[in-house]
Amino acid sequence: WAGEALERIFRSHALNREAKQFRKDRYLLRAAGENLSPEESTELGRLRRTHEQIGRGYELKEGLRGLFRDVEPDQAKTYLDGWISEASDSQLPAFTQLARRITKHYDGILNAVELGLSNSRLEGINGKIRLINARGYGHHSAESLASMIHLNLGGIRLELPTAT
């Protein structure tokens, strides 16, 4: 969500950039700071200094990432409250709207941080099921699809007689 908010700010300021520079700058804003090369970090710093609103949006995005990366679970509530306050006061409409959205989902976000819950495994399984269905060009029945799902994801290992 924070990435989407930053993207809206970036797009509103990047209308007159050439396509190659637009893609490069957008990559820098999307990437995690720790994964950037020194040259890319320098370029990101230039972008943030040149466009104050983009720089502020980037700080807010990274601040929200910090909730899931750096904050101890027992300090998550205080950290999230501070972030919501910062985002609300930022005078960036995209992040003010995001602060309201996060407030609506406040309990779920805190539970995810405090309990370490995630739906990533479920999303991964759903992606595999979609791939199984697409590979089969659709299945003639739900039973056929269920059988393929069990075969592919059920932990069954078949040894072919030709395998050595």
N, C-alpha and C. Protein backbone atom coordinates (compact mmCIF):
# COMPACT_ATOMS: atom_id res chain seq x y z
N TRP A 1 0.83 -1.20 0.00
CA TRP A 1 0.00 0.00 0.00
C TRP A 1 0.87 1.25 0.00
N ALA A 2 1.93 1.22 0.78
CA ALA A 2 2.82 2.38 0.84
C ALA A 2 3.51 2.58 -0.51
N GLY A 3 3.86 1.48 -1.16
CA GLY A 3 4.46 1.58 -2.49
C GLY A 3 3.51 2.21 -3.49
N GLU A 4 2.23 1.84 -3.40
CA GLU A 4 1.22 2.43 -4.29
C GLU A 4 1.08 3.92 -4.02
N ALA A 5 1.09 4.32 -2.76
CA ALA A 5 0.97 5.74 -2.42
C ALA A 5 2.17 6.52 -2.95
N LEU A 6 3.36 5.96 -2.78
CA LEU A 6 4.57 6.62 -3.28
C LEU A 6 4.53 6.70 -4.81
N GLU A 7 4.02 5.67 -5.44
CA GLU A 7 3.90 5.66 -6.91
C GLU A 7 2.99 6.80 -7.39
N ARG A 8 1.90 7.05 -6.67
CA ARG A 8 1.00 8.15 -7.06
C ARG A 8 1.70 9.50 -6.95
N ILE A 9 2.48 9.68 -5.89
CA ILE A 9 3.23 10.94 -5.73
C ILE A 9 4.26 11.06 -6.84
N PHE A 10 4.99 9.98 -7.11
CA PHE A 10 6.02 10.00 -8.13
C PHE A 10 5.43 10.33 -9.50
N ARG A 11 4.34 9.68 -9.84
CA ARG A 11 3.72 9.92 -11.15
C ARG A 11 3.25 11.37 -11.31
N SER A 12 2.79 11.97 -10.23
CA SER A 12 2.33 13.36 -10.33
C SER A 12 3.49 14.33 -10.54
N HIS A 13 4.72 13.92 -10.17
CA HIS A 13 5.88 14.79 -10.33
C HIS A 13 6.75 14.42 -11.52
N ALA A 14 6.50 13.30 -12.14
CA ALA A 14 7.40 12.78 -13.17
C ALA A 14 6.79 12.85 -14.56
N LEU A 15 5.90 13.77 -14.79
CA LEU A 15 5.20 13.81 -16.08
C LEU A 15 6.11 14.17 -17.24
N ASN A 16 7.12 15.01 -17.01
CA ASN A 16 7.94 15.46 -18.13
C ASN A 16 9.32 14.82 -18.14
N ARG A 17 9.45 13.61 -17.66
CA ARG A 17 10.71 12.87 -17.72
C ARG A 17 10.72 11.99 -18.96
N GLU A 18 11.90 11.73 -19.47
CA GLU A 18 11.98 10.77 -20.56
C GLU A 18 11.76 9.37 -20.00
N ALA A 19 11.32 8.46 -20.85
CA ALA A 19 10.89 7.13 -20.40
C ALA A 19 11.99 6.37 -19.67
N LYS A 20 13.22 6.43 -20.17
CA LYS A 20 14.32 5.68 -19.55
C LYS A 20 14.59 6.19 -18.13
N GLN A 21 14.63 7.50 -17.94
CA GLN A 21 14.88 8.08 -16.62
C GLN A 21 13.70 7.81 -15.69
N PHE A 22 12.48 7.85 -16.23
CA PHE A 22 11.29 7.55 -15.45
C PHE A 22 11.38 6.15 -14.86
N ARG A 23 11.72 5.16 -15.70
CA ARG A 23 11.82 3.77 -15.24
C ARG A 23 12.93 3.61 -14.21
N LYS A 24 14.04 4.28 -14.42
CA LYS A 24 15.18 4.19 -13.50
C LYS A 24 14.80 4.78 -12.13
N ASP A 25 14.20 5.95 -12.14
CA ASP A 25 13.80 6.59 -10.88
C ASP A 25 12.73 5.77 -10.16
N ARG A 26 11.79 5.24 -10.91
CA ARG A 26 10.74 4.43 -10.29
C ARG A 26 11.34 3.17 -9.67
N TYR A 27 12.32 2.56 -10.32
CA TYR A 27 13.00 1.40 -9.75
C TYR A 27 13.67 1.77 -8.42
N LEU A 28 14.35 2.90 -8.39
CA LEU A 28 15.04 3.33 -7.17
C LEU A 28 14.06 3.51 -6.01
N LEU A 29 12.89 4.05 -6.30
CA LEU A 29 11.90 4.27 -5.25
C LEU A 29 11.26 2.97 -4.78
N ARG A 30 11.13 2.01 -5.66
CA ARG A 30 10.51 0.74 -5.30
C ARG A 30 11.46 -0.19 -4.56
N ALA A 31 12.75 -0.11 -4.87
CA ALA A 31 13.72 -1.04 -4.31
C ALA A 31 13.94 -0.77 -2.83
N ALA A 32 14.32 -1.82 -2.12
CA ALA A 32 14.70 -1.67 -0.72
C ALA A 32 16.06 -0.98 -0.68
N GLY A 33 16.21 -0.01 0.19
CA GLY A 33 17.43 0.77 0.28
C GLY A 33 18.67 -0.07 0.46
N GLU A 34 18.56 -1.15 1.23
CA GLU A 34 19.73 -1.99 1.50
C GLU A 34 20.16 -2.81 0.28
N ASN A 35 19.32 -2.88 -0.74
CA ASN A 35 19.67 -3.65 -1.94
C ASN A 35 20.25 -2.80 -3.06
N LEU A 36 20.38 -1.50 -2.84
CA LEU A 36 20.89 -0.61 -3.87
C LEU A 36 22.42 -0.54 -3.84
N SER A 37 22.99 -0.39 -5.02
CA SER A 37 24.44 -0.20 -5.11
C SER A 37 24.76 1.23 -4.64
N PRO A 38 26.03 1.52 -4.35
CA PRO A 38 26.38 2.89 -3.93
C PRO A 38 25.97 3.95 -4.95
N GLU A 39 26.13 3.64 -6.24
CA GLU A 39 25.74 4.61 -7.28
C GLU A 39 24.22 4.83 -7.26
N GLU A 40 23.48 3.74 -7.09
CA GLU A 40 22.02 3.85 -7.05
C GLU A 40 21.58 4.61 -5.80
N SER A 41 22.25 4.40 -4.69
CA SER A 41 21.92 5.13 -3.46
C SER A 41 22.16 6.63 -3.64
N THR A 42 23.24 6.96 -4.31
CA THR A 42 23.54 8.37 -4.59
C THR A 42 22.46 8.97 -5.48
N GLU A 43 22.06 8.23 -6.50
CA GLU A 43 21.01 8.69 -7.42
C GLU A 43 19.68 8.85 -6.69
N LEU A 44 19.37 7.92 -5.78
CA LEU A 44 18.14 8.02 -4.99
C LEU A 44 18.19 9.26 -4.10
N GLY A 45 19.33 9.53 -3.49
CA GLY A 45 19.48 10.72 -2.67
C GLY A 45 19.25 11.99 -3.48
N ARG A 46 19.76 12.01 -4.71
CA ARG A 46 19.54 13.17 -5.59
C ARG A 46 18.05 13.34 -5.88
N LEU A 47 17.39 12.25 -6.19
CA LEU A 47 15.97 12.31 -6.49
C LEU A 47 15.18 12.83 -5.29
N ARG A 48 15.52 12.34 -4.11
CA ARG A 48 14.81 12.75 -2.89
C ARG A 48 15.06 14.22 -2.55
N ARG A 49 16.27 14.70 -2.81
CA ARG A 49 16.57 16.12 -2.54
C ARG A 49 15.90 17.04 -3.56
N THR A 50 15.85 16.58 -4.81
CA THR A 50 15.28 17.38 -5.89
C THR A 50 13.78 17.56 -5.74
N HIS A 51 13.09 16.50 -5.30
CA HIS A 51 11.64 16.52 -5.16
C HIS A 51 11.28 16.23 -3.71
N GLU A 52 10.98 17.28 -2.97
CA GLU A 52 10.74 17.15 -1.54
C GLU A 52 9.61 16.19 -1.21
N GLN A 53 8.52 16.27 -1.97
CA GLN A 53 7.38 15.39 -1.69
C GLN A 53 7.72 13.92 -1.96
N ILE A 54 8.47 13.66 -3.00
CA ILE A 54 8.89 12.28 -3.29
C ILE A 54 9.80 11.79 -2.17
N GLY A 55 10.71 12.63 -1.72
CA GLY A 55 11.59 12.26 -0.62
C GLY A 55 10.83 11.96 0.65
N ARG A 56 9.86 12.78 0.95
CA ARG A 56 9.05 12.56 2.16
C ARG A 56 8.23 11.28 2.03
N GLY A 57 7.66 11.05 0.86
CA GLY A 57 6.91 9.81 0.61
C GLY A 57 7.80 8.58 0.75
N TYR A 58 9.04 8.68 0.26
CA TYR A 58 9.97 7.56 0.37
C TYR A 58 10.28 7.27 1.84
N GLU A 59 10.49 8.31 2.63
CA GLU A 59 10.75 8.12 4.07
C GLU A 59 9.57 7.43 4.75
N LEU A 60 8.36 7.83 4.40
CA LEU A 60 7.18 7.20 4.99
C LEU A 60 7.06 5.74 4.57
N LYS A 61 7.34 5.47 3.30
CA LYS A 61 7.28 4.08 2.82
C LYS A 61 8.29 3.22 3.58
N GLU A 62 9.51 3.70 3.69
CA GLU A 62 10.54 2.94 4.39
C GLU A 62 10.22 2.83 5.88
N GLY A 63 9.58 3.85 6.43
CA GLY A 63 9.17 3.80 7.83
C GLY A 63 8.16 2.70 8.08
N LEU A 64 7.24 2.53 7.16
CA LEU A 64 6.25 1.46 7.30
C LEU A 64 6.90 0.09 7.12
N ARG A 65 7.87 0.00 6.21
CA ARG A 65 8.62 -1.26 6.07
C ARG A 65 9.33 -1.60 7.37
N GLY A 66 9.81 -0.57 8.05
CA GLY A 66 10.50 -0.78 9.32
C GLY A 66 9.63 -1.45 10.36
N LEU A 67 8.33 -1.23 10.28
CA LEU A 67 7.41 -1.88 11.22
C LEU A 67 7.55 -3.40 11.15
N PHE A 68 7.70 -3.92 9.95
CA PHE A 68 7.77 -5.37 9.77
C PHE A 68 9.20 -5.90 9.86
N ARG A 69 10.21 -5.05 9.67
CA ARG A 69 11.59 -5.50 9.66
C ARG A 69 12.31 -5.27 10.99
N ASP A 70 12.17 -4.08 11.56
CA ASP A 70 13.06 -3.65 12.63
C ASP A 70 12.43 -3.57 14.01
N VAL A 71 11.12 -3.53 14.08
CA VAL A 71 10.45 -3.26 15.35
C VAL A 71 10.17 -4.55 16.10
N GLU A 72 10.46 -4.55 17.39
CA GLU A 72 10.12 -5.68 18.25
C GLU A 72 8.60 -5.74 18.39
N PRO A 73 8.02 -6.93 18.44
CA PRO A 73 6.56 -7.06 18.49
C PRO A 73 5.91 -6.27 19.63
N ASP A 74 6.55 -6.18 20.79
CA ASP A 74 5.93 -5.46 21.90
C ASP A 74 5.96 -3.94 21.71
N GLN A 75 6.73 -3.45 20.74
CA GLN A 75 6.79 -2.01 20.46
C GLN A 75 6.03 -1.64 19.19
N ALA A 76 5.39 -2.61 18.58
CA ALA A 76 4.72 -2.39 17.30
C ALA A 76 3.58 -1.37 17.41
N LYS A 77 2.79 -1.44 18.48
CA LYS A 77 1.65 -0.53 18.63
C LYS A 77 2.12 0.92 18.69
N THR A 78 3.14 1.20 19.49
CA THR A 78 3.66 2.56 19.61
C THR A 78 4.23 3.03 18.28
N TYR A 79 4.98 2.16 17.61
CA TYR A 79 5.59 2.51 16.33
C TYR A 79 4.52 2.81 15.28
N LEU A 80 3.51 1.94 15.19
CA LEU A 80 2.46 2.13 14.19
C LEU A 80 1.65 3.40 14.47
N ASP A 81 1.37 3.67 15.74
CA ASP A 81 0.66 4.90 16.09
C ASP A 81 1.46 6.12 15.64
N GLY A 82 2.77 6.09 15.87
CA GLY A 82 3.64 7.19 15.45
C GLY A 82 3.66 7.34 13.95
N TRP A 83 3.71 6.21 13.23
CA TRP A 83 3.73 6.27 11.78
C TRP A 83 2.42 6.85 11.24
N ILE A 84 1.31 6.42 11.79
CA ILE A 84 0.01 6.93 11.34
C ILE A 84 -0.07 8.43 11.56
N SER A 85 0.41 8.89 12.70
CA SER A 85 0.41 10.31 13.00
C SER A 85 1.29 11.08 12.00
N GLU A 86 2.48 10.54 11.72
CA GLU A 86 3.38 11.17 10.76
C GLU A 86 2.76 11.24 9.38
N ALA A 87 2.17 10.14 8.94
CA ALA A 87 1.57 10.09 7.61
C ALA A 87 0.37 11.04 7.51
N SER A 88 -0.42 11.12 8.57
CA SER A 88 -1.58 12.02 8.57
C SER A 88 -1.15 13.47 8.50
N ASP A 89 -0.03 13.80 9.14
CA ASP A 89 0.45 15.18 9.18
C ASP A 89 1.36 15.53 8.00
N SER A 90 1.60 14.59 7.11
CA SER A 90 2.59 14.78 6.04
C SER A 90 2.14 15.75 4.95
N GLN A 91 0.86 16.04 4.87
CA GLN A 91 0.29 16.88 3.82
C GLN A 91 0.49 16.28 2.43
N LEU A 92 0.68 14.97 2.40
CA LEU A 92 0.72 14.23 1.14
C LEU A 92 -0.60 13.46 1.05
N PRO A 93 -1.49 13.85 0.15
CA PRO A 93 -2.81 13.21 0.11
C PRO A 93 -2.76 11.69 0.01
N ALA A 94 -1.82 11.15 -0.75
CA ALA A 94 -1.73 9.69 -0.90
C ALA A 94 -1.43 9.02 0.44
N PHE A 95 -0.56 9.62 1.24
CA PHE A 95 -0.20 9.02 2.52
C PHE A 95 -1.22 9.35 3.61
N THR A 96 -1.91 10.47 3.49
CA THR A 96 -3.01 10.76 4.42
C THR A 96 -4.11 9.72 4.23
N GLN A 97 -4.40 9.41 2.97
CA GLN A 97 -5.40 8.38 2.66
C GLN A 97 -4.91 7.01 3.15
N LEU A 98 -3.62 6.73 2.99
CA LEU A 98 -3.06 5.47 3.45
C LEU A 98 -3.16 5.35 4.97
N ALA A 99 -2.93 6.46 5.67
CA ALA A 99 -3.04 6.44 7.14
C ALA A 99 -4.46 6.05 7.56
N ARG A 100 -5.46 6.58 6.86
CA ARG A 100 -6.85 6.22 7.17
C ARG A 100 -7.10 4.74 6.86
N ARG A 101 -6.53 4.26 5.77
CA ARG A 101 -6.70 2.85 5.39
C ARG A 101 -6.05 1.94 6.42
N ILE A 102 -4.88 2.31 6.88
CA ILE A 102 -4.19 1.50 7.88
C ILE A 102 -4.94 1.54 9.21
N THR A 103 -5.53 2.68 9.53
CA THR A 103 -6.33 2.78 10.75
C THR A 103 -7.51 1.81 10.70
N LYS A 104 -8.11 1.66 9.52
CA LYS A 104 -9.23 0.71 9.37
C LYS A 104 -8.78 -0.72 9.62
N HIS A 105 -7.55 -1.04 9.23
CA HIS A 105 -7.02 -2.40 9.36
C HIS A 105 -6.02 -2.52 10.51
N TYR A 106 -6.12 -1.61 11.45
CA TYR A 106 -5.14 -1.47 12.53
C TYR A 106 -4.93 -2.78 13.30
N ASP A 107 -5.99 -3.39 13.75
CA ASP A 107 -5.88 -4.61 14.56
C ASP A 107 -5.23 -5.75 13.77
N GLY A 108 -5.61 -5.91 12.53
CA GLY A 108 -5.04 -6.97 11.71
C GLY A 108 -3.55 -6.76 11.46
N ILE A 109 -3.16 -5.51 11.23
CA ILE A 109 -1.74 -5.22 11.01
C ILE A 109 -0.94 -5.48 12.28
N LEU A 110 -1.46 -5.04 13.41
CA LEU A 110 -0.77 -5.30 14.68
C LEU A 110 -0.65 -6.79 14.95
N ASN A 111 -1.72 -7.52 14.70
CA ASN A 111 -1.68 -8.97 14.90
C ASN A 111 -0.63 -9.62 14.00
N ALA A 112 -0.53 -9.15 12.77
CA ALA A 112 0.46 -9.71 11.85
C ALA A 112 1.88 -9.49 12.39
N VAL A 113 2.13 -8.30 12.94
CA VAL A 113 3.46 -8.00 13.46
C VAL A 113 3.71 -8.73 14.78
N GLU A 114 2.76 -8.65 15.68
CA GLU A 114 2.95 -9.22 17.01
C GLU A 114 2.97 -10.75 17.00
N LEU A 115 2.16 -11.36 16.15
CA LEU A 115 2.06 -12.81 16.12
C LEU A 115 2.87 -13.45 14.99
N GLY A 116 3.39 -12.61 14.10
CA GLY A 116 4.17 -13.13 12.98
C GLY A 116 3.33 -13.88 11.96
N LEU A 117 2.07 -13.50 11.86
CA LEU A 117 1.17 -14.17 10.92
C LEU A 117 1.27 -13.56 9.53
N SER A 118 1.12 -14.40 8.54
CA SER A 118 1.17 -13.95 7.17
C SER A 118 0.35 -14.90 6.31
N ASN A 119 -0.18 -14.41 5.22
CA ASN A 119 -0.90 -15.29 4.31
C ASN A 119 -0.04 -15.64 3.10
N SER A 120 1.28 -15.44 3.22
CA SER A 120 2.16 -15.67 2.08
C SER A 120 2.17 -17.13 1.62
N ARG A 121 2.12 -18.07 2.55
CA ARG A 121 2.10 -19.48 2.17
C ARG A 121 0.82 -19.81 1.40
N LEU A 122 -0.29 -19.28 1.87
CA LEU A 122 -1.57 -19.50 1.19
C LEU A 122 -1.56 -18.88 -0.20
N GLU A 123 -0.99 -17.68 -0.32
CA GLU A 123 -0.92 -17.03 -1.64
C GLU A 123 -0.03 -17.84 -2.58
N GLY A 124 1.04 -18.42 -2.05
CA GLY A 124 1.90 -19.26 -2.87
C GLY A 124 1.17 -20.49 -3.38
N ILE A 125 0.39 -21.12 -2.52
CA ILE A 125 -0.39 -22.29 -2.93
C ILE A 125 -1.43 -21.90 -3.97
N ASN A 126 -2.09 -20.76 -3.76
CA ASN A 126 -3.08 -20.29 -4.75
C ASN A 126 -2.43 -20.07 -6.11
N GLY A 127 -1.23 -19.51 -6.12
CA GLY A 127 -0.52 -19.30 -7.38
C GLY A 127 -0.22 -20.62 -8.08
N LYS A 128 0.18 -21.62 -7.30
CA LYS A 128 0.46 -22.94 -7.88
C LYS A 128 -0.81 -23.57 -8.43
N ILE A 129 -1.92 -23.40 -7.74
CA ILE A 129 -3.20 -23.95 -8.22
C ILE A 129 -3.60 -23.28 -9.54
N ARG A 130 -3.43 -21.97 -9.63
CA ARG A 130 -3.74 -21.28 -10.88
C ARG A 130 -2.86 -21.79 -12.02
N LEU A 131 -1.59 -22.06 -11.71
CA LEU A 131 -0.68 -22.58 -12.73
C LEU A 131 -1.10 -23.99 -13.16
N ILE A 132 -1.48 -24.82 -12.22
CA ILE A 132 -1.94 -26.19 -12.54
C ILE A 132 -3.16 -26.11 -13.45
N ASN A 133 -4.08 -25.21 -13.15
CA ASN A 133 -5.28 -25.07 -13.96
C ASN A 133 -4.94 -24.56 -15.36
N ALA A 134 -4.04 -23.60 -15.45
CA ALA A 134 -3.67 -23.05 -16.75
C ALA A 134 -2.91 -24.08 -17.58
N ARG A 135 -2.04 -24.85 -16.93
CA ARG A 135 -1.28 -25.88 -17.63
C ARG A 135 -2.20 -26.94 -18.22
N GLY A 136 -3.30 -27.18 -17.56
CA GLY A 136 -4.24 -28.18 -18.04
C GLY A 136 -5.24 -27.60 -19.02
N TYR A 137 -5.07 -26.33 -19.40
CA TYR A 137 -6.01 -25.65 -20.30
C TYR A 137 -7.45 -25.78 -19.80
N GLY A 138 -7.61 -25.69 -18.49
CA GLY A 138 -8.93 -25.90 -17.91
C GLY A 138 -9.15 -27.40 -17.75
N HIS A 139 -9.97 -27.78 -16.86
CA HIS A 139 -10.23 -29.20 -16.63
C HIS A 139 -11.71 -29.48 -16.86
N HIS A 140 -11.99 -30.68 -17.31
CA HIS A 140 -13.38 -31.02 -17.67
C HIS A 140 -14.28 -31.15 -16.44
N SER A 141 -13.68 -31.28 -15.25
CA SER A 141 -14.50 -31.36 -14.05
C SER A 141 -13.68 -30.86 -12.85
N ALA A 142 -14.40 -30.52 -11.80
CA ALA A 142 -13.73 -30.08 -10.58
C ALA A 142 -12.94 -31.23 -9.98
N GLU A 143 -13.41 -32.45 -10.15
CA GLU A 143 -12.72 -33.63 -9.62
C GLU A 143 -11.36 -33.80 -10.31
N SER A 144 -11.33 -33.56 -11.59
CA SER A 144 -10.09 -33.66 -12.34
C SER A 144 -9.07 -32.63 -11.84
N LEU A 145 -9.52 -31.41 -11.64
CA LEU A 145 -8.64 -30.36 -11.12
C LEU A 145 -8.16 -30.70 -9.71
N ALA A 146 -9.06 -31.18 -8.87
CA ALA A 146 -8.69 -31.55 -7.50
C ALA A 146 -7.65 -32.67 -7.51
N SER A 147 -7.78 -33.61 -8.41
CA SER A 147 -6.81 -34.71 -8.52
C SER A 147 -5.44 -34.18 -8.91
N MET A 148 -5.40 -33.25 -9.85
CA MET A 148 -4.12 -32.68 -10.26
C MET A 148 -3.49 -31.86 -9.13
N ILE A 149 -4.30 -31.16 -8.36
CA ILE A 149 -3.79 -30.39 -7.22
C ILE A 149 -3.18 -31.33 -6.20
N HIS A 150 -3.89 -32.42 -5.88
CA HIS A 150 -3.36 -33.39 -4.92
C HIS A 150 -2.09 -34.04 -5.44
N LEU A 151 -2.05 -34.33 -6.70
CA LEU A 151 -0.87 -34.96 -7.28
C LEU A 151 0.34 -34.03 -7.22
N ASN A 152 0.11 -32.75 -7.53
CA ASN A 152 1.21 -31.80 -7.57
C ASN A 152 1.60 -31.26 -6.20
N LEU A 153 0.65 -31.06 -5.32
CA LEU A 153 0.93 -30.40 -4.04
C LEU A 153 0.79 -31.32 -2.83
N GLY A 154 0.41 -32.56 -3.06
CA GLY A 154 0.13 -33.46 -1.94
C GLY A 154 1.33 -34.19 -1.38
N GLY A 155 2.51 -33.92 -1.88
CA GLY A 155 3.70 -34.58 -1.36
C GLY A 155 3.93 -35.96 -1.94
N ILE A 156 3.20 -36.31 -2.96
CA ILE A 156 3.37 -37.61 -3.60
C ILE A 156 4.58 -37.56 -4.51
N ARG A 157 5.48 -38.52 -4.37
CA ARG A 157 6.66 -38.59 -5.23
C ARG A 157 6.59 -39.87 -6.05
N LEU A 158 6.48 -39.73 -7.34
CA LEU A 158 6.42 -40.90 -8.21
C LEU A 158 7.80 -41.15 -8.82
N GLU A 159 8.24 -42.38 -8.73
CA GLU A 159 9.51 -42.77 -9.35
C GLU A 159 9.17 -43.39 -10.69
N LEU A 160 9.68 -42.84 -11.74
CA LEU A 160 9.46 -43.41 -13.06
C LEU A 160 10.44 -44.56 -13.27
N PRO A 161 9.99 -45.62 -13.95
CA PRO A 161 10.88 -46.76 -14.16
C PRO A 161 12.10 -46.42 -15.02
N THR A 162 11.99 -45.36 -15.82
CA THR A 162 13.11 -44.97 -16.67
C THR A 162 14.13 -44.11 -15.95
N ALA A 163 13.78 -43.60 -14.77
CA ALA A 163 14.73 -42.75 -14.04
C ALA A 163 15.81 -43.61 -13.42
N THR A 164 17.05 -43.14 -13.52
CA THR A 164 18.16 -43.91 -12.95
C THR A 164 18.72 -43.24 -11.73
